[in-house]
N, C-alpha and C. Protein backbone atom coordinates (compact mmCIF):
# COMPACT_ATOMS: atom_id res chain seq x y z
N UNK A 1 62.34 83.08 17.52
CA UNK A 1 63.67 82.84 18.20
C UNK A 1 63.68 81.77 19.25
N UNK A 2 62.68 80.91 19.09
CA UNK A 2 62.66 79.80 20.02
C UNK A 2 63.87 78.95 19.96
N UNK A 3 64.32 78.57 21.21
CA UNK A 3 65.56 77.65 21.19
C UNK A 3 66.89 78.37 21.13
N UNK A 4 66.83 79.65 20.82
CA UNK A 4 68.12 80.47 20.83
C UNK A 4 68.19 81.25 22.08
N UNK A 5 69.46 81.52 22.43
CA UNK A 5 69.69 82.48 23.52
C UNK A 5 69.32 83.83 23.00
N UNK A 6 68.60 84.59 23.78
CA UNK A 6 68.15 85.95 23.28
C UNK A 6 68.56 87.07 24.29
N UNK A 7 68.75 88.30 23.66
CA UNK A 7 69.03 89.47 24.41
C UNK A 7 67.90 90.43 24.22
N UNK A 8 67.64 91.17 25.26
CA UNK A 8 66.72 92.17 25.26
C UNK A 8 67.34 93.52 25.39
N UNK A 9 67.19 94.38 24.39
CA UNK A 9 67.73 95.70 24.32
C UNK A 9 66.73 96.67 24.84
N UNK A 10 66.95 97.44 25.81
CA UNK A 10 66.05 98.43 26.38
C UNK A 10 66.69 99.80 25.85
N UNK A 11 65.90 100.56 25.12
CA UNK A 11 66.41 101.86 24.63
C UNK A 11 65.71 103.00 25.49
N UNK A 12 66.03 104.22 25.13
CA UNK A 12 65.54 105.36 25.98
C UNK A 12 64.18 105.83 25.73
N UNK A 13 63.63 105.62 24.55
CA UNK A 13 62.30 106.04 24.23
C UNK A 13 61.56 105.13 23.20
N UNK A 14 60.27 105.23 23.15
CA UNK A 14 59.55 104.58 22.14
C UNK A 14 59.97 104.99 20.78
N UNK A 15 60.37 106.15 20.63
CA UNK A 15 60.72 106.83 19.32
C UNK A 15 62.11 106.09 19.00
N UNK A 16 62.98 105.79 19.92
CA UNK A 16 64.19 104.98 19.56
C UNK A 16 63.95 103.59 19.22
N UNK A 17 62.87 102.97 19.93
CA UNK A 17 62.59 101.65 19.57
C UNK A 17 62.04 101.54 18.06
N UNK A 18 61.18 102.58 17.80
CA UNK A 18 60.63 102.54 16.42
C UNK A 18 61.71 102.75 15.35
N UNK A 19 62.61 103.63 15.63
CA UNK A 19 63.73 103.93 14.66
C UNK A 19 64.54 102.66 14.55
N UNK A 20 64.93 101.91 15.76
CA UNK A 20 65.67 100.74 15.70
C UNK A 20 64.95 99.62 14.94
N UNK A 21 63.58 99.60 15.09
CA UNK A 21 62.81 98.49 14.46
C UNK A 21 62.88 98.79 12.91
N UNK A 22 62.77 99.96 12.43
CA UNK A 22 62.79 100.32 11.09
C UNK A 22 64.11 100.03 10.55
N UNK A 23 65.20 100.36 11.18
CA UNK A 23 66.55 100.15 10.77
C UNK A 23 66.92 98.66 10.69
N UNK A 24 66.51 97.90 11.74
CA UNK A 24 66.85 96.45 11.69
C UNK A 24 66.11 95.70 10.59
N UNK A 25 64.80 96.17 10.43
CA UNK A 25 63.97 95.59 9.33
C UNK A 25 64.67 95.91 7.96
N UNK A 26 65.03 97.09 7.78
CA UNK A 26 65.69 97.63 6.53
C UNK A 26 67.00 96.72 6.14
N UNK A 27 67.64 96.28 7.27
CA UNK A 27 68.85 95.51 6.95
C UNK A 27 68.60 94.01 7.11
N UNK A 28 67.28 93.58 7.11
CA UNK A 28 67.07 92.11 7.13
C UNK A 28 67.29 91.42 8.38
N UNK A 29 67.41 92.11 9.47
CA UNK A 29 67.76 91.51 10.74
C UNK A 29 66.45 90.86 11.36
N UNK A 30 66.71 89.73 12.11
CA UNK A 30 65.60 89.12 12.81
C UNK A 30 65.49 89.69 14.27
N UNK A 31 64.31 90.06 14.66
CA UNK A 31 64.10 90.72 15.98
C UNK A 31 62.62 90.59 16.35
N UNK A 32 62.40 90.84 17.55
CA UNK A 32 60.93 90.99 18.07
C UNK A 32 60.80 92.27 18.86
N UNK A 33 59.71 93.00 18.71
CA UNK A 33 59.48 94.16 19.59
C UNK A 33 58.59 93.55 20.73
N UNK A 34 58.98 93.73 21.97
CA UNK A 34 58.27 93.20 23.09
C UNK A 34 58.05 94.29 24.13
N UNK A 35 57.04 94.08 25.08
CA UNK A 35 57.02 95.03 26.19
C UNK A 35 58.31 94.86 26.98
N UNK A 36 58.72 95.94 27.66
CA UNK A 36 59.78 95.86 28.55
C UNK A 36 59.42 94.99 29.73
N UNK A 37 60.12 93.89 29.95
CA UNK A 37 59.82 93.02 31.02
C UNK A 37 59.71 93.73 32.44
N UNK A 38 58.76 93.39 33.22
CA UNK A 38 58.64 94.05 34.53
C UNK A 38 59.82 93.94 35.40
N UNK A 39 60.63 92.81 35.17
CA UNK A 39 61.87 92.66 36.05
C UNK A 39 62.88 93.61 35.70
N UNK A 40 62.79 94.23 34.48
CA UNK A 40 63.83 95.22 33.99
C UNK A 40 63.52 96.73 34.32
N UNK A 41 62.27 96.96 34.25
CA UNK A 41 61.76 98.40 34.38
C UNK A 41 60.31 98.43 34.70
N UNK A 42 59.83 99.32 35.51
CA UNK A 42 58.48 99.55 35.73
C UNK A 42 57.81 100.45 34.72
N UNK A 43 58.67 101.01 33.79
CA UNK A 43 58.14 101.87 32.83
C UNK A 43 57.26 100.99 31.77
N UNK A 44 56.26 101.59 31.28
CA UNK A 44 55.43 100.88 30.31
C UNK A 44 55.96 101.17 28.96
N UNK A 45 57.02 100.54 28.50
CA UNK A 45 57.68 100.76 27.22
C UNK A 45 57.84 99.44 26.39
N UNK A 46 58.59 99.68 25.30
CA UNK A 46 58.77 98.47 24.42
C UNK A 46 60.29 98.26 24.38
N UNK A 47 60.73 97.11 24.00
CA UNK A 47 62.13 96.79 23.87
C UNK A 47 62.25 95.89 22.65
N UNK A 48 63.48 95.58 22.32
CA UNK A 48 63.79 94.74 21.15
C UNK A 48 64.54 93.44 21.65
N UNK A 49 63.99 92.36 21.21
CA UNK A 49 64.70 91.04 21.55
C UNK A 49 65.38 90.52 20.20
N UNK A 50 66.64 90.18 20.40
CA UNK A 50 67.48 89.68 19.13
C UNK A 50 68.12 88.41 19.71
N UNK A 51 68.59 87.60 18.72
CA UNK A 51 69.39 86.43 19.04
C UNK A 51 70.74 86.95 19.50
N UNK A 52 71.35 86.15 20.44
CA UNK A 52 72.60 86.48 20.94
C UNK A 52 73.63 86.50 19.82
N UNK A 53 73.39 85.57 18.85
CA UNK A 53 74.24 85.44 17.72
C UNK A 53 74.35 86.78 16.89
N UNK A 54 73.26 87.51 16.97
CA UNK A 54 73.34 88.79 16.16
C UNK A 54 73.57 90.11 17.00
N UNK A 55 73.82 89.88 18.26
CA UNK A 55 73.98 91.11 19.17
C UNK A 55 75.12 91.99 18.61
N UNK A 56 76.12 91.49 18.17
CA UNK A 56 77.34 92.40 17.80
C UNK A 56 77.04 93.25 16.61
N UNK A 57 76.27 92.65 15.64
CA UNK A 57 75.91 93.38 14.37
C UNK A 57 74.76 94.37 14.79
N UNK A 58 73.81 94.00 15.68
CA UNK A 58 72.79 95.01 16.10
C UNK A 58 73.45 96.11 16.83
N UNK A 59 74.43 95.98 17.67
CA UNK A 59 75.08 97.03 18.33
C UNK A 59 75.76 98.02 17.32
N UNK A 60 76.44 97.38 16.21
CA UNK A 60 77.02 98.18 15.27
C UNK A 60 75.94 99.06 14.42
N UNK A 61 74.85 98.50 14.18
CA UNK A 61 73.76 99.17 13.52
C UNK A 61 73.30 100.27 14.43
N UNK A 62 73.10 100.03 15.74
CA UNK A 62 72.60 100.95 16.60
C UNK A 62 73.59 102.14 16.72
N UNK A 63 74.96 101.77 16.73
CA UNK A 63 75.99 102.98 16.79
C UNK A 63 75.96 103.76 15.57
N UNK A 64 75.89 103.17 14.41
CA UNK A 64 75.79 103.87 13.13
C UNK A 64 74.62 104.71 12.99
N UNK A 65 73.51 104.43 13.71
CA UNK A 65 72.32 105.21 13.55
C UNK A 65 72.00 106.09 14.88
N UNK A 66 73.08 106.26 15.63
CA UNK A 66 72.94 107.09 16.92
C UNK A 66 71.81 106.59 17.82
N UNK A 67 71.64 105.34 17.90
CA UNK A 67 70.62 104.81 18.93
C UNK A 67 71.36 104.32 20.14
N UNK A 68 71.14 104.98 21.31
CA UNK A 68 71.72 104.63 22.54
C UNK A 68 70.99 103.51 23.21
N UNK A 69 71.76 102.53 23.81
CA UNK A 69 71.20 101.48 24.50
C UNK A 69 71.20 101.77 26.04
N UNK A 70 69.95 101.72 26.59
CA UNK A 70 69.83 101.86 28.08
C UNK A 70 70.37 100.68 28.74
N UNK A 71 70.08 99.53 28.28
CA UNK A 71 70.48 98.25 28.87
C UNK A 71 70.38 97.08 27.97
N UNK A 72 71.21 96.08 28.06
CA UNK A 72 71.03 94.87 27.28
C UNK A 72 71.03 93.67 28.35
N UNK A 73 70.09 92.79 28.13
CA UNK A 73 69.84 91.80 29.17
C UNK A 73 69.77 90.45 28.47
N UNK A 74 70.56 89.38 29.00
CA UNK A 74 70.35 88.08 28.54
C UNK A 74 69.02 87.46 29.23
N UNK A 75 68.20 86.85 28.37
CA UNK A 75 67.02 86.12 28.89
C UNK A 75 67.63 84.73 29.38
N UNK A 76 67.25 84.45 30.60
CA UNK A 76 67.66 83.15 31.29
C UNK A 76 66.41 82.47 31.67
N UNK A 77 66.55 81.13 32.10
CA UNK A 77 65.32 80.45 32.65
C UNK A 77 64.93 81.11 33.98
N UNK A 78 65.77 81.77 34.63
CA UNK A 78 65.45 82.43 35.97
C UNK A 78 65.25 83.93 35.84
N UNK A 79 65.04 84.43 34.68
CA UNK A 79 64.88 85.87 34.55
C UNK A 79 65.81 86.54 33.54
N UNK A 80 66.37 87.57 33.97
CA UNK A 80 67.26 88.41 33.04
C UNK A 80 68.57 88.70 33.75
N UNK A 81 69.56 88.67 33.08
CA UNK A 81 70.93 89.06 33.53
C UNK A 81 71.55 90.08 32.72
N UNK A 82 72.08 91.05 33.36
CA UNK A 82 72.72 92.23 32.57
C UNK A 82 73.80 91.68 31.64
N UNK A 83 73.76 92.11 30.43
CA UNK A 83 74.86 91.72 29.39
C UNK A 83 75.89 92.78 29.32
N UNK A 84 77.08 92.42 29.56
CA UNK A 84 78.22 93.38 29.52
C UNK A 84 79.03 93.19 28.30
N UNK A 85 79.70 94.35 27.84
CA UNK A 85 80.47 94.21 26.61
C UNK A 85 81.61 93.23 26.65
N UNK A 86 82.09 92.84 27.84
CA UNK A 86 83.24 91.97 27.91
C UNK A 86 82.82 90.55 27.53
N UNK A 87 81.51 90.31 27.33
CA UNK A 87 80.99 88.88 26.96
C UNK A 87 80.92 88.73 25.47
N UNK A 88 81.18 89.87 24.68
CA UNK A 88 81.09 89.83 23.26
C UNK A 88 82.05 88.79 22.72
């Protein structure tokens, strides 16, 4: 996803991340599983990074599969910025 704006989705558990990974892979979506950035949480967990171009479809997939998002964050050169639904 180099060169593209990316969003980091933080979910509530590693089990949710695993389910999300399976679901996105099954639908041919491009994503990366990454450690939750320290700037976002001190928890030692995993998160999903997707292209901003795909975020609307990813949210729909999460909704259809009962995957709740703890937070969505835009990766910027200066760190992370919370992504709100009014930016869609």
